[in-house]
Amino acid sequence: MQDKLVNEHVILGIDPGTLYMGYAILHTVGQKATIREFDTLDVHKTDDQYARLQQEFFFIQQLIDKHHPTCLAIETQFVDKNPQTMIKIVHAQGVAIAAALSRDVPIYEYSPMKIKMAITGNGHSTKQQVADMLQRFLHIPDARMPKKLDATDALGIAYCHYLQLGLPVNTAKGAKNWTTFAKQHGLADTAVTTPNQKLMAALRGKK
């Protein structure tokens, strides 16, 4: 019997920001997802805002040239009470999109709520909860977890796109969301009913 066609993707996840930009490269083959790299680009020491955007543009191009991603997954629909903050974030989003377009990389956009829902089952979960679930799904050692959550946000964006491809992680080793994760680890608790309560019950399990 011939093996089924293996679907391979290299997903570039970008969490746009004007001072810190999270980025992640997620390599997926069939049901296996591995992290090539994820971190935060720190441009906050550059005074000029347009110079910061230029640094981000060239950095994303370098990532694309190095890893040859099959797509860019980026967080959009950012909402903030401060209009100036929103404008700056939109600028950063535009720079990331322009960098991808300059290399003919397809672009996929996801709202913050969509990303959180895909990973934790709760569209209002915190950044730390998203990071904790990603660490479990992708078996990331504590020593490799970044200090800034911009990096795990970018990884979450890439992982959200991976789930949209219809290729969940191998259920023998991982889970595509909090529901299956809790069942696999015997953490399901009928006493907790909301997604956030169930998520926190799962996170209280052993690491």
N, C-alpha and C. Protein backbone atom coordinates (compact mmCIF):
# COMPACT_ATOMS: atom_id res chain seq x y z
N MET A 1 0.86 -1.20 0.00
CA MET A 1 0.00 0.00 0.00
C MET A 1 0.89 1.24 0.00
N GLN A 2 0.64 2.16 -0.93
CA GLN A 2 1.47 3.34 -1.01
C GLN A 2 1.14 4.32 0.12
N ASP A 3 2.21 5.00 0.57
CA ASP A 3 2.01 6.02 1.60
C ASP A 3 1.19 7.17 1.03
N LYS A 4 0.42 7.79 1.91
CA LYS A 4 -0.35 8.95 1.49
C LYS A 4 0.60 10.13 1.22
N LEU A 5 0.17 11.02 0.36
CA LEU A 5 0.98 12.18 0.05
C LEU A 5 1.23 12.99 1.31
N VAL A 6 2.49 13.31 1.58
CA VAL A 6 2.85 14.08 2.77
C VAL A 6 2.73 15.57 2.47
N ASN A 7 2.00 16.27 3.31
CA ASN A 7 1.86 17.71 3.16
C ASN A 7 2.92 18.40 3.98
N GLU A 8 3.74 19.21 3.33
CA GLU A 8 4.82 19.92 4.03
C GLU A 8 4.59 21.42 3.91
N HIS A 9 4.76 22.11 5.04
CA HIS A 9 4.59 23.55 5.08
C HIS A 9 5.67 24.17 5.96
N VAL A 10 6.09 25.34 5.59
CA VAL A 10 6.98 26.15 6.44
C VAL A 10 6.24 27.46 6.69
N ILE A 11 5.78 27.64 7.92
CA ILE A 11 4.91 28.76 8.25
C ILE A 11 5.71 29.82 9.00
N LEU A 12 5.70 31.03 8.46
CA LEU A 12 6.31 32.17 9.14
C LEU A 12 5.21 32.90 9.92
N GLY A 13 5.32 32.90 11.23
CA GLY A 13 4.36 33.62 12.07
C GLY A 13 4.95 34.94 12.53
N ILE A 14 4.19 36.01 12.39
CA ILE A 14 4.66 37.33 12.79
C ILE A 14 3.64 37.98 13.74
N ASP A 15 4.15 38.42 14.90
CA ASP A 15 3.35 39.22 15.83
C ASP A 15 3.86 40.65 15.68
N PRO A 16 3.16 41.48 14.90
CA PRO A 16 3.69 42.81 14.58
C PRO A 16 3.74 43.74 15.79
N GLY A 17 4.80 44.52 15.85
CA GLY A 17 4.96 45.50 16.91
C GLY A 17 5.95 46.55 16.48
N THR A 18 5.88 47.72 17.06
CA THR A 18 6.76 48.81 16.66
C THR A 18 8.04 48.87 17.49
N LEU A 19 8.04 48.22 18.65
CA LEU A 19 9.24 48.17 19.48
C LEU A 19 9.81 46.76 19.55
N TYR A 20 8.92 45.78 19.61
CA TYR A 20 9.32 44.38 19.67
C TYR A 20 8.43 43.61 18.69
N MET A 21 9.05 42.85 17.81
CA MET A 21 8.30 42.06 16.84
C MET A 21 8.57 40.58 17.08
N GLY A 22 7.53 39.85 17.38
CA GLY A 22 7.69 38.41 17.56
C GLY A 22 7.70 37.70 16.22
N TYR A 23 8.53 36.67 16.10
CA TYR A 23 8.58 35.91 14.86
C TYR A 23 8.79 34.43 15.18
N ALA A 24 8.30 33.58 14.30
CA ALA A 24 8.44 32.13 14.49
C ALA A 24 8.43 31.44 13.15
N ILE A 25 9.22 30.39 13.04
CA ILE A 25 9.23 29.53 11.85
C ILE A 25 8.80 28.15 12.30
N LEU A 26 7.64 27.70 11.82
CA LEU A 26 7.10 26.39 12.17
C LEU A 26 7.13 25.50 10.93
N HIS A 27 7.85 24.39 11.03
CA HIS A 27 7.97 23.45 9.91
C HIS A 27 7.03 22.27 10.18
N THR A 28 6.13 22.02 9.27
CA THR A 28 5.17 20.93 9.46
C THR A 28 5.25 19.95 8.30
N VAL A 29 5.27 18.68 8.65
CA VAL A 29 5.24 17.60 7.67
C VAL A 29 4.16 16.63 8.11
N GLY A 30 3.08 16.58 7.35
CA GLY A 30 1.97 15.73 7.75
C GLY A 30 1.44 16.15 9.11
N GLN A 31 1.49 15.24 10.07
CA GLN A 31 0.97 15.51 11.40
C GLN A 31 2.06 15.95 12.38
N LYS A 32 3.25 16.17 11.90
CA LYS A 32 4.34 16.55 12.79
C LYS A 32 4.69 18.02 12.59
N ALA A 33 4.75 18.76 13.71
CA ALA A 33 5.11 20.17 13.67
C ALA A 33 6.36 20.39 14.52
N THR A 34 7.36 21.03 13.95
CA THR A 34 8.59 21.33 14.67
C THR A 34 8.95 22.80 14.50
N ILE A 35 9.56 23.34 15.55
CA ILE A 35 9.96 24.74 15.54
C ILE A 35 11.38 24.86 14.99
N ARG A 36 11.54 25.65 13.97
CA ARG A 36 12.90 25.93 13.49
C ARG A 36 13.53 27.03 14.34
N GLU A 37 12.77 28.08 14.55
CA GLU A 37 13.24 29.14 15.45
C GLU A 37 12.07 30.04 15.82
N PHE A 38 12.17 30.66 16.98
CA PHE A 38 11.20 31.68 17.37
C PHE A 38 11.83 32.57 18.42
N ASP A 39 11.59 33.86 18.26
CA ASP A 39 12.24 34.83 19.14
C ASP A 39 11.57 36.19 18.92
N THR A 40 12.20 37.23 19.46
CA THR A 40 11.69 38.59 19.33
C THR A 40 12.76 39.49 18.74
N LEU A 41 12.41 40.27 17.73
CA LEU A 41 13.30 41.29 17.20
C LEU A 41 13.10 42.55 18.02
N ASP A 42 14.17 43.02 18.65
CA ASP A 42 14.12 44.19 19.52
C ASP A 42 14.65 45.40 18.76
N VAL A 43 13.76 46.35 18.48
CA VAL A 43 14.18 47.56 17.77
C VAL A 43 13.90 48.81 18.61
N HIS A 44 13.62 48.61 19.90
CA HIS A 44 13.17 49.74 20.73
C HIS A 44 14.26 50.79 20.95
N LYS A 45 15.53 50.43 20.75
CA LYS A 45 16.62 51.38 20.96
C LYS A 45 16.82 52.32 19.77
N THR A 46 16.15 52.02 18.67
CA THR A 46 16.20 52.90 17.50
C THR A 46 15.16 53.99 17.68
N ASP A 47 15.61 55.24 17.68
CA ASP A 47 14.70 56.35 17.99
C ASP A 47 13.67 56.61 16.91
N ASP A 48 14.09 56.62 15.67
CA ASP A 48 13.19 56.96 14.57
C ASP A 48 12.24 55.81 14.26
N GLN A 49 10.93 56.09 14.27
CA GLN A 49 9.94 55.03 14.07
C GLN A 49 10.03 54.41 12.68
N TYR A 50 10.40 55.22 11.67
CA TYR A 50 10.49 54.67 10.32
C TYR A 50 11.74 53.82 10.15
N ALA A 51 12.78 54.16 10.89
CA ALA A 51 13.99 53.32 10.87
C ALA A 51 13.69 51.97 11.52
N ARG A 52 12.85 51.97 12.54
CA ARG A 52 12.46 50.70 13.18
C ARG A 52 11.68 49.83 12.20
N LEU A 53 10.76 50.45 11.48
CA LEU A 53 9.98 49.71 10.48
C LEU A 53 10.89 49.17 9.38
N GLN A 54 11.89 49.94 9.01
CA GLN A 54 12.82 49.49 7.98
C GLN A 54 13.60 48.26 8.46
N GLN A 55 14.02 48.29 9.72
CA GLN A 55 14.73 47.14 10.29
C GLN A 55 13.85 45.90 10.26
N GLU A 56 12.59 46.07 10.61
CA GLU A 56 11.67 44.92 10.62
C GLU A 56 11.47 44.39 9.20
N PHE A 57 11.34 45.30 8.23
CA PHE A 57 11.14 44.90 6.84
C PHE A 57 12.30 44.04 6.35
N PHE A 58 13.51 44.52 6.54
CA PHE A 58 14.68 43.78 6.07
C PHE A 58 14.87 42.48 6.84
N PHE A 59 14.54 42.50 8.13
CA PHE A 59 14.69 41.29 8.94
C PHE A 59 13.74 40.19 8.45
N ILE A 60 12.51 40.55 8.14
CA ILE A 60 11.55 39.57 7.65
C ILE A 60 12.00 39.03 6.29
N GLN A 61 12.52 39.90 5.45
CA GLN A 61 13.05 39.42 4.17
C GLN A 61 14.18 38.41 4.39
N GLN A 62 15.04 38.68 5.37
CA GLN A 62 16.13 37.75 5.67
C GLN A 62 15.60 36.41 6.16
N LEU A 63 14.55 36.45 6.99
CA LEU A 63 13.92 35.21 7.45
C LEU A 63 13.38 34.42 6.28
N ILE A 64 12.73 35.12 5.36
CA ILE A 64 12.15 34.46 4.19
C ILE A 64 13.24 33.84 3.32
N ASP A 65 14.32 34.58 3.11
CA ASP A 65 15.41 34.07 2.28
C ASP A 65 16.10 32.88 2.94
N LYS A 66 16.11 32.85 4.25
CA LYS A 66 16.77 31.76 4.97
C LYS A 66 15.91 30.50 5.03
N HIS A 67 14.62 30.67 5.31
CA HIS A 67 13.76 29.50 5.57
C HIS A 67 12.80 29.16 4.43
N HIS A 68 12.64 30.06 3.47
CA HIS A 68 11.74 29.84 2.34
C HIS A 68 10.34 29.40 2.79
N PRO A 69 9.66 30.21 3.60
CA PRO A 69 8.33 29.82 4.07
C PRO A 69 7.32 29.71 2.94
N THR A 70 6.38 28.81 3.12
CA THR A 70 5.32 28.64 2.13
C THR A 70 4.19 29.64 2.35
N CYS A 71 4.19 30.31 3.51
CA CYS A 71 3.18 31.32 3.78
C CYS A 71 3.58 32.18 4.97
N LEU A 72 2.95 33.33 5.07
CA LEU A 72 3.06 34.19 6.25
C LEU A 72 1.73 34.19 6.96
N ALA A 73 1.75 33.92 8.26
CA ALA A 73 0.55 34.03 9.09
C ALA A 73 0.78 35.20 10.03
N ILE A 74 -0.14 36.15 10.05
CA ILE A 74 0.06 37.38 10.81
C ILE A 74 -1.19 37.75 11.58
N GLU A 75 -0.99 38.34 12.75
CA GLU A 75 -2.12 38.79 13.56
C GLU A 75 -2.60 40.13 13.05
N THR A 76 -3.90 40.27 12.88
CA THR A 76 -4.49 41.53 12.43
C THR A 76 -5.69 41.87 13.30
N GLN A 77 -6.40 42.91 12.91
CA GLN A 77 -7.58 43.37 13.64
C GLN A 77 -7.24 43.74 15.08
N PHE A 78 -6.08 44.32 15.26
CA PHE A 78 -5.67 44.77 16.59
C PHE A 78 -6.50 45.98 16.98
N VAL A 79 -7.01 46.00 18.21
CA VAL A 79 -7.82 47.12 18.70
C VAL A 79 -7.21 47.66 19.98
N ASP A 80 -7.04 48.97 20.04
CA ASP A 80 -6.50 49.61 21.24
C ASP A 80 -7.24 50.93 21.46
N LYS A 81 -7.36 51.31 22.71
CA LYS A 81 -8.07 52.55 23.04
C LYS A 81 -7.33 53.76 22.53
N ASN A 82 -6.02 53.64 22.39
CA ASN A 82 -5.20 54.75 21.93
C ASN A 82 -5.07 54.70 20.40
N PRO A 83 -5.65 55.67 19.70
CA PRO A 83 -5.59 55.64 18.22
C PRO A 83 -4.16 55.65 17.69
N GLN A 84 -3.26 56.37 18.36
CA GLN A 84 -1.88 56.42 17.90
C GLN A 84 -1.20 55.05 17.97
N THR A 85 -1.52 54.31 19.02
CA THR A 85 -0.97 52.95 19.14
C THR A 85 -1.48 52.07 18.01
N MET A 86 -2.77 52.19 17.70
CA MET A 86 -3.36 51.40 16.62
C MET A 86 -2.69 51.71 15.29
N ILE A 87 -2.45 53.01 15.04
CA ILE A 87 -1.82 53.41 13.79
C ILE A 87 -0.43 52.81 13.66
N LYS A 88 0.33 52.83 14.76
CA LYS A 88 1.69 52.29 14.73
C LYS A 88 1.69 50.79 14.49
N ILE A 89 0.73 50.09 15.12
CA ILE A 89 0.64 48.65 14.91
C ILE A 89 0.27 48.33 13.47
N VAL A 90 -0.65 49.12 12.92
CA VAL A 90 -1.05 48.93 11.51
C VAL A 90 0.15 49.13 10.60
N HIS A 91 1.00 50.11 10.93
CA HIS A 91 2.22 50.32 10.14
C HIS A 91 3.10 49.07 10.18
N ALA A 92 3.25 48.50 11.37
CA ALA A 92 4.08 47.29 11.51
C ALA A 92 3.47 46.12 10.75
N GLN A 93 2.15 46.00 10.79
CA GLN A 93 1.49 44.95 10.02
C GLN A 93 1.75 45.13 8.53
N GLY A 94 1.63 46.38 8.07
CA GLY A 94 1.84 46.66 6.66
C GLY A 94 3.25 46.35 6.20
N VAL A 95 4.23 46.64 7.06
CA VAL A 95 5.62 46.35 6.73
C VAL A 95 5.84 44.85 6.59
N ALA A 96 5.29 44.07 7.51
CA ALA A 96 5.43 42.62 7.46
C ALA A 96 4.78 42.06 6.19
N ILE A 97 3.60 42.56 5.88
CA ILE A 97 2.90 42.10 4.68
C ILE A 97 3.67 42.49 3.42
N ALA A 98 4.21 43.71 3.42
CA ALA A 98 4.98 44.16 2.25
C ALA A 98 6.23 43.31 2.06
N ALA A 99 6.89 42.95 3.17
CA ALA A 99 8.08 42.11 3.08
C ALA A 99 7.74 40.75 2.48
N ALA A 100 6.60 40.19 2.89
CA ALA A 100 6.17 38.90 2.34
C ALA A 100 5.83 39.03 0.85
N LEU A 101 5.13 40.10 0.50
CA LEU A 101 4.76 40.31 -0.89
C LEU A 101 5.99 40.50 -1.77
N SER A 102 7.03 41.12 -1.21
CA SER A 102 8.25 41.33 -1.99
C SER A 102 8.95 40.03 -2.34
N ARG A 103 8.60 38.96 -1.61
CA ARG A 103 9.19 37.64 -1.88
C ARG A 103 8.13 36.65 -2.38
N ASP A 104 6.96 37.18 -2.76
CA ASP A 104 5.87 36.34 -3.31
C ASP A 104 5.42 35.26 -2.33
N VAL A 105 5.36 35.60 -1.05
CA VAL A 105 4.91 34.65 -0.02
C VAL A 105 3.42 34.89 0.24
N PRO A 106 2.58 33.87 0.13
CA PRO A 106 1.15 34.03 0.43
C PRO A 106 0.91 34.46 1.87
N ILE A 107 -0.15 35.23 2.11
CA ILE A 107 -0.41 35.82 3.42
C ILE A 107 -1.76 35.36 3.95
N TYR A 108 -1.77 35.02 5.25
CA TYR A 108 -3.01 34.64 5.93
C TYR A 108 -3.12 35.47 7.21
N GLU A 109 -4.30 36.05 7.43
CA GLU A 109 -4.51 36.93 8.57
C GLU A 109 -5.44 36.29 9.58
N TYR A 110 -5.11 36.48 10.87
CA TYR A 110 -5.93 35.93 11.94
C TYR A 110 -6.11 36.97 13.04
N SER A 111 -7.31 37.04 13.56
CA SER A 111 -7.57 37.96 14.67
C SER A 111 -7.03 37.37 15.97
N PRO A 112 -6.74 38.21 16.97
CA PRO A 112 -6.26 37.70 18.26
C PRO A 112 -7.22 36.68 18.87
N MET A 113 -8.52 36.93 18.78
CA MET A 113 -9.50 36.00 19.35
C MET A 113 -9.47 34.65 18.64
N LYS A 114 -9.34 34.67 17.31
CA LYS A 114 -9.28 33.43 16.53
C LYS A 114 -8.08 32.60 16.95
N ILE A 115 -6.94 33.26 17.14
CA ILE A 115 -5.70 32.57 17.52
C ILE A 115 -5.85 31.93 18.89
N LYS A 116 -6.35 32.70 19.84
CA LYS A 116 -6.51 32.19 21.21
C LYS A 116 -7.52 31.04 21.25
N MET A 117 -8.61 31.18 20.51
CA MET A 117 -9.62 30.13 20.48
C MET A 117 -9.05 28.84 19.91
N ALA A 118 -8.25 28.95 18.85
CA ALA A 118 -7.68 27.76 18.21
C ALA A 118 -6.75 27.01 19.14
N ILE A 119 -6.03 27.73 19.99
CA ILE A 119 -5.01 27.10 20.82
C ILE A 119 -5.52 26.71 22.20
N THR A 120 -6.31 27.58 22.82
CA THR A 120 -6.74 27.32 24.20
C THR A 120 -8.21 26.97 24.33
N GLY A 121 -8.99 27.24 23.28
CA GLY A 121 -10.43 27.02 23.39
C GLY A 121 -11.13 28.19 24.03
N ASN A 122 -10.39 29.27 24.32
CA ASN A 122 -10.96 30.45 24.96
C ASN A 122 -10.42 31.68 24.25
N GLY A 123 -11.31 32.42 23.59
CA GLY A 123 -10.89 33.60 22.86
C GLY A 123 -10.41 34.75 23.71
N HIS A 124 -10.59 34.63 25.02
CA HIS A 124 -10.17 35.69 25.94
C HIS A 124 -9.04 35.25 26.86
N SER A 125 -8.35 34.18 26.51
CA SER A 125 -7.25 33.70 27.35
C SER A 125 -6.09 34.70 27.32
N THR A 126 -5.21 34.58 28.29
CA THR A 126 -4.07 35.49 28.38
C THR A 126 -2.93 35.02 27.48
N LYS A 127 -1.97 35.91 27.26
CA LYS A 127 -0.79 35.56 26.49
C LYS A 127 -0.02 34.42 27.16
N GLN A 128 0.03 34.45 28.49
CA GLN A 128 0.76 33.41 29.22
C GLN A 128 0.09 32.06 29.07
N GLN A 129 -1.24 32.03 29.07
CA GLN A 129 -1.96 30.77 28.88
C GLN A 129 -1.69 30.20 27.49
N VAL A 130 -1.65 31.08 26.49
CA VAL A 130 -1.32 30.63 25.13
C VAL A 130 0.09 30.05 25.10
N ALA A 131 1.02 30.75 25.74
CA ALA A 131 2.41 30.27 25.78
C ALA A 131 2.51 28.91 26.46
N ASP A 132 1.79 28.74 27.57
CA ASP A 132 1.83 27.47 28.31
C ASP A 132 1.29 26.31 27.47
N MET A 133 0.21 26.56 26.75
CA MET A 133 -0.35 25.50 25.92
C MET A 133 0.57 25.16 24.75
N LEU A 134 1.18 26.16 24.15
CA LEU A 134 2.12 25.90 23.06
C LEU A 134 3.32 25.10 23.54
N GLN A 135 3.77 25.40 24.75
CA GLN A 135 4.90 24.66 25.30
C GLN A 135 4.56 23.18 25.42
N ARG A 136 3.33 22.88 25.79
CA ARG A 136 2.91 21.49 25.93
C ARG A 136 2.70 20.83 24.56
N PHE A 137 2.03 21.54 23.67
CA PHE A 137 1.75 20.97 22.35
C PHE A 137 3.02 20.63 21.60
N LEU A 138 4.00 21.53 21.66
CA LEU A 138 5.21 21.41 20.86
C LEU A 138 6.41 20.91 21.66
N HIS A 139 6.17 20.52 22.91
CA HIS A 139 7.20 19.92 23.76
C HIS A 139 8.45 20.81 23.84
N ILE A 140 8.23 22.07 24.18
CA ILE A 140 9.34 23.03 24.26
C ILE A 140 9.96 22.98 25.65
N PRO A 141 11.25 22.72 25.77
CA PRO A 141 11.90 22.71 27.08
C PRO A 141 11.83 24.09 27.74
N ASP A 142 11.81 24.12 29.06
CA ASP A 142 11.74 25.39 29.77
C ASP A 142 12.87 26.32 29.36
N ALA A 143 14.06 25.76 29.16
CA ALA A 143 15.22 26.58 28.82
C ALA A 143 15.08 27.27 27.48
N ARG A 144 14.21 26.74 26.62
CA ARG A 144 14.05 27.33 25.28
C ARG A 144 12.91 28.33 25.22
N MET A 145 12.12 28.40 26.29
CA MET A 145 11.01 29.34 26.28
C MET A 145 11.54 30.76 26.39
N PRO A 146 11.13 31.64 25.48
CA PRO A 146 11.64 33.02 25.48
C PRO A 146 11.09 33.83 26.64
N LYS A 147 11.81 34.87 27.00
CA LYS A 147 11.38 35.74 28.09
C LYS A 147 10.22 36.63 27.67
N LYS A 148 10.23 37.06 26.43
CA LYS A 148 9.17 37.94 25.94
C LYS A 148 8.07 37.13 25.27
N LEU A 149 6.83 37.48 25.58
CA LEU A 149 5.69 36.74 25.05
C LEU A 149 5.40 37.09 23.59
N ASP A 150 6.09 38.10 23.05
CA ASP A 150 5.92 38.41 21.63
C ASP A 150 6.31 37.20 20.78
N ALA A 151 7.33 36.46 21.24
CA ALA A 151 7.81 35.30 20.50
C ALA A 151 6.78 34.17 20.51
N THR A 152 6.20 33.89 21.68
CA THR A 152 5.19 32.84 21.75
C THR A 152 3.90 33.28 21.06
N ASP A 153 3.63 34.57 21.05
CA ASP A 153 2.47 35.06 20.29
C ASP A 153 2.65 34.74 18.81
N ALA A 154 3.87 34.98 18.30
CA ALA A 154 4.14 34.69 16.89
C ALA A 154 4.04 33.19 16.62
N LEU A 155 4.53 32.40 17.55
CA LEU A 155 4.43 30.94 17.40
C LEU A 155 2.97 30.51 17.41
N GLY A 156 2.18 31.15 18.26
CA GLY A 156 0.75 30.85 18.31
C GLY A 156 0.05 31.17 17.01
N ILE A 157 0.45 32.25 16.36
CA ILE A 157 -0.13 32.62 15.08
C ILE A 157 0.20 31.56 14.03
N ALA A 158 1.46 31.13 14.01
CA ALA A 158 1.87 30.09 13.07
C ALA A 158 1.14 28.78 13.36
N TYR A 159 1.00 28.44 14.64
CA TYR A 159 0.34 27.19 15.01
C TYR A 159 -1.15 27.25 14.69
N CYS A 160 -1.74 28.42 14.86
CA CYS A 160 -3.15 28.59 14.50
C CYS A 160 -3.35 28.30 13.02
N HIS A 161 -2.46 28.79 12.18
CA HIS A 161 -2.57 28.52 10.75
C HIS A 161 -2.39 27.04 10.47
N TYR A 162 -1.47 26.42 11.17
CA TYR A 162 -1.24 24.97 11.02
C TYR A 162 -2.53 24.20 11.29
N LEU A 163 -3.25 24.59 12.33
CA LEU A 163 -4.50 23.90 12.64
C LEU A 163 -5.55 24.12 11.56
N GLN A 164 -5.51 25.27 10.90
CA GLN A 164 -6.48 25.53 9.83
C GLN A 164 -6.23 24.65 8.62
N LEU A 165 -5.02 24.10 8.53
CA LEU A 165 -4.69 23.24 7.39
C LEU A 165 -5.35 21.86 7.50
N GLY A 166 -5.95 21.58 8.67
CA GLY A 166 -6.58 20.29 8.86
C GLY A 166 -5.60 19.19 9.17
N LEU A 167 -4.43 19.56 9.74
CA LEU A 167 -3.40 18.59 10.06
C LEU A 167 -3.06 18.67 11.54
N PRO A 168 -3.95 18.22 12.43
CA PRO A 168 -3.67 18.29 13.85
C PRO A 168 -2.46 17.46 14.22
N VAL A 169 -1.83 17.82 15.35
CA VAL A 169 -0.65 17.08 15.78
C VAL A 169 -1.02 15.65 16.12
N ASN A 170 -0.04 14.79 16.10
CA ASN A 170 -0.24 13.38 16.40
C ASN A 170 -0.85 13.21 17.78
N THR A 171 -2.03 12.64 17.85
CA THR A 171 -2.73 12.54 19.13
C THR A 171 -2.04 11.59 20.09
N ALA A 172 -1.11 10.79 19.61
CA ALA A 172 -0.38 9.91 20.51
C ALA A 172 0.62 10.70 21.34
N LYS A 173 0.98 11.90 20.87
CA LYS A 173 1.99 12.69 21.57
C LYS A 173 1.49 14.06 21.99
N GLY A 174 0.48 14.57 21.30
CA GLY A 174 0.04 15.91 21.60
C GLY A 174 -1.45 16.05 21.45
N ALA A 175 -1.90 17.29 21.35
CA ALA A 175 -3.32 17.56 21.21
C ALA A 175 -3.49 18.87 20.48
N LYS A 176 -4.58 18.99 19.72
CA LYS A 176 -4.74 20.21 18.95
C LYS A 176 -5.43 21.31 19.75
N ASN A 177 -6.02 20.99 20.90
CA ASN A 177 -6.59 22.03 21.74
C ASN A 177 -6.71 21.52 23.17
N TRP A 178 -7.25 22.37 24.07
CA TRP A 178 -7.28 22.01 25.49
C TRP A 178 -8.16 20.80 25.76
N THR A 179 -9.19 20.59 24.94
CA THR A 179 -10.12 19.50 25.20
C THR A 179 -9.43 18.15 25.07
N THR A 180 -8.76 17.92 23.93
CA THR A 180 -8.10 16.63 23.75
C THR A 180 -6.90 16.50 24.67
N PHE A 181 -6.22 17.61 24.92
CA PHE A 181 -5.08 17.56 25.84
C PHE A 181 -5.52 17.10 27.23
N ALA A 182 -6.60 17.66 27.72
CA ALA A 182 -7.08 17.30 29.06
C ALA A 182 -7.48 15.83 29.12
N LYS A 183 -8.15 15.33 28.08
CA LYS A 183 -8.57 13.93 28.06
C LYS A 183 -7.37 13.00 28.04
N GLN A 184 -6.35 13.35 27.24
CA GLN A 184 -5.17 12.49 27.13
C GLN A 184 -4.41 12.39 28.44
N HIS A 185 -4.47 13.46 29.24
CA HIS A 185 -3.71 13.49 30.48
C HIS A 185 -4.57 13.27 31.71
N GLY A 186 -5.82 12.82 31.50
CA GLY A 186 -6.69 12.52 32.63
C GLY A 186 -7.01 13.74 33.46
N LEU A 187 -7.11 14.91 32.79
CA LEU A 187 -7.34 16.15 33.52
C LEU A 187 -8.75 16.67 33.37
N ALA A 188 -9.59 15.95 32.62
CA ALA A 188 -10.96 16.41 32.44
C ALA A 188 -11.67 16.43 33.78
N ASP A 189 -12.38 17.51 34.05
CA ASP A 189 -13.04 17.68 35.34
C ASP A 189 -14.44 18.20 35.10
N THR A 190 -15.43 17.41 35.43
CA THR A 190 -16.81 17.82 35.19
C THR A 190 -17.23 18.95 36.10
N ALA A 191 -16.42 19.25 37.13
CA ALA A 191 -16.77 20.32 38.05
C ALA A 191 -16.46 21.69 37.45
N VAL A 192 -15.64 21.73 36.40
CA VAL A 192 -15.34 22.99 35.75
C VAL A 192 -15.98 22.99 34.38
N THR A 193 -16.62 24.09 34.04
CA THR A 193 -17.44 24.07 32.84
C THR A 193 -17.02 25.08 31.79
N THR A 194 -16.45 26.21 32.18
CA THR A 194 -16.08 27.21 31.18
C THR A 194 -14.77 26.84 30.53
N PRO A 195 -14.51 27.31 29.29
CA PRO A 195 -13.24 27.01 28.64
C PRO A 195 -12.04 27.45 29.46
N ASN A 196 -12.13 28.63 30.08
CA ASN A 196 -10.99 29.12 30.85
C ASN A 196 -10.74 28.24 32.07
N GLN A 197 -11.80 27.79 32.74
CA GLN A 197 -11.65 26.91 33.90
C GLN A 197 -11.03 25.58 33.49
N LYS A 198 -11.46 25.04 32.37
CA LYS A 198 -10.92 23.78 31.90
C LYS A 198 -9.46 23.93 31.50
N LEU A 199 -9.14 25.06 30.87
CA LEU A 199 -7.76 25.32 30.49
C LEU A 199 -6.88 25.37 31.72
N MET A 200 -7.30 26.09 32.74
CA MET A 200 -6.48 26.23 33.94
C MET A 200 -6.35 24.88 34.67
N ALA A 201 -7.39 24.07 34.58
CA ALA A 201 -7.31 22.73 35.19
C ALA A 201 -6.26 21.90 34.48
N ALA A 202 -6.20 22.04 33.14
CA ALA A 202 -5.19 21.32 32.37
C ALA A 202 -3.80 21.80 32.71
N LEU A 203 -3.64 23.10 32.86
CA LEU A 203 -2.32 23.66 33.13
C LEU A 203 -1.81 23.34 34.53
N ARG A 204 -2.72 22.97 35.42
CA ARG A 204 -2.29 22.59 36.77
C ARG A 204 -1.72 21.19 36.80
N GLY A 205 -1.85 20.46 35.67
CA GLY A 205 -1.28 19.11 35.59
C GLY A 205 0.22 19.16 35.54
N LYS A 206 0.85 18.00 35.57
CA LYS A 206 2.31 17.95 35.58
C LYS A 206 2.86 18.39 34.25
N LYS A 207 4.06 18.99 34.30
CA LYS A 207 4.75 19.43 33.09
C LYS A 207 5.68 18.32 32.65
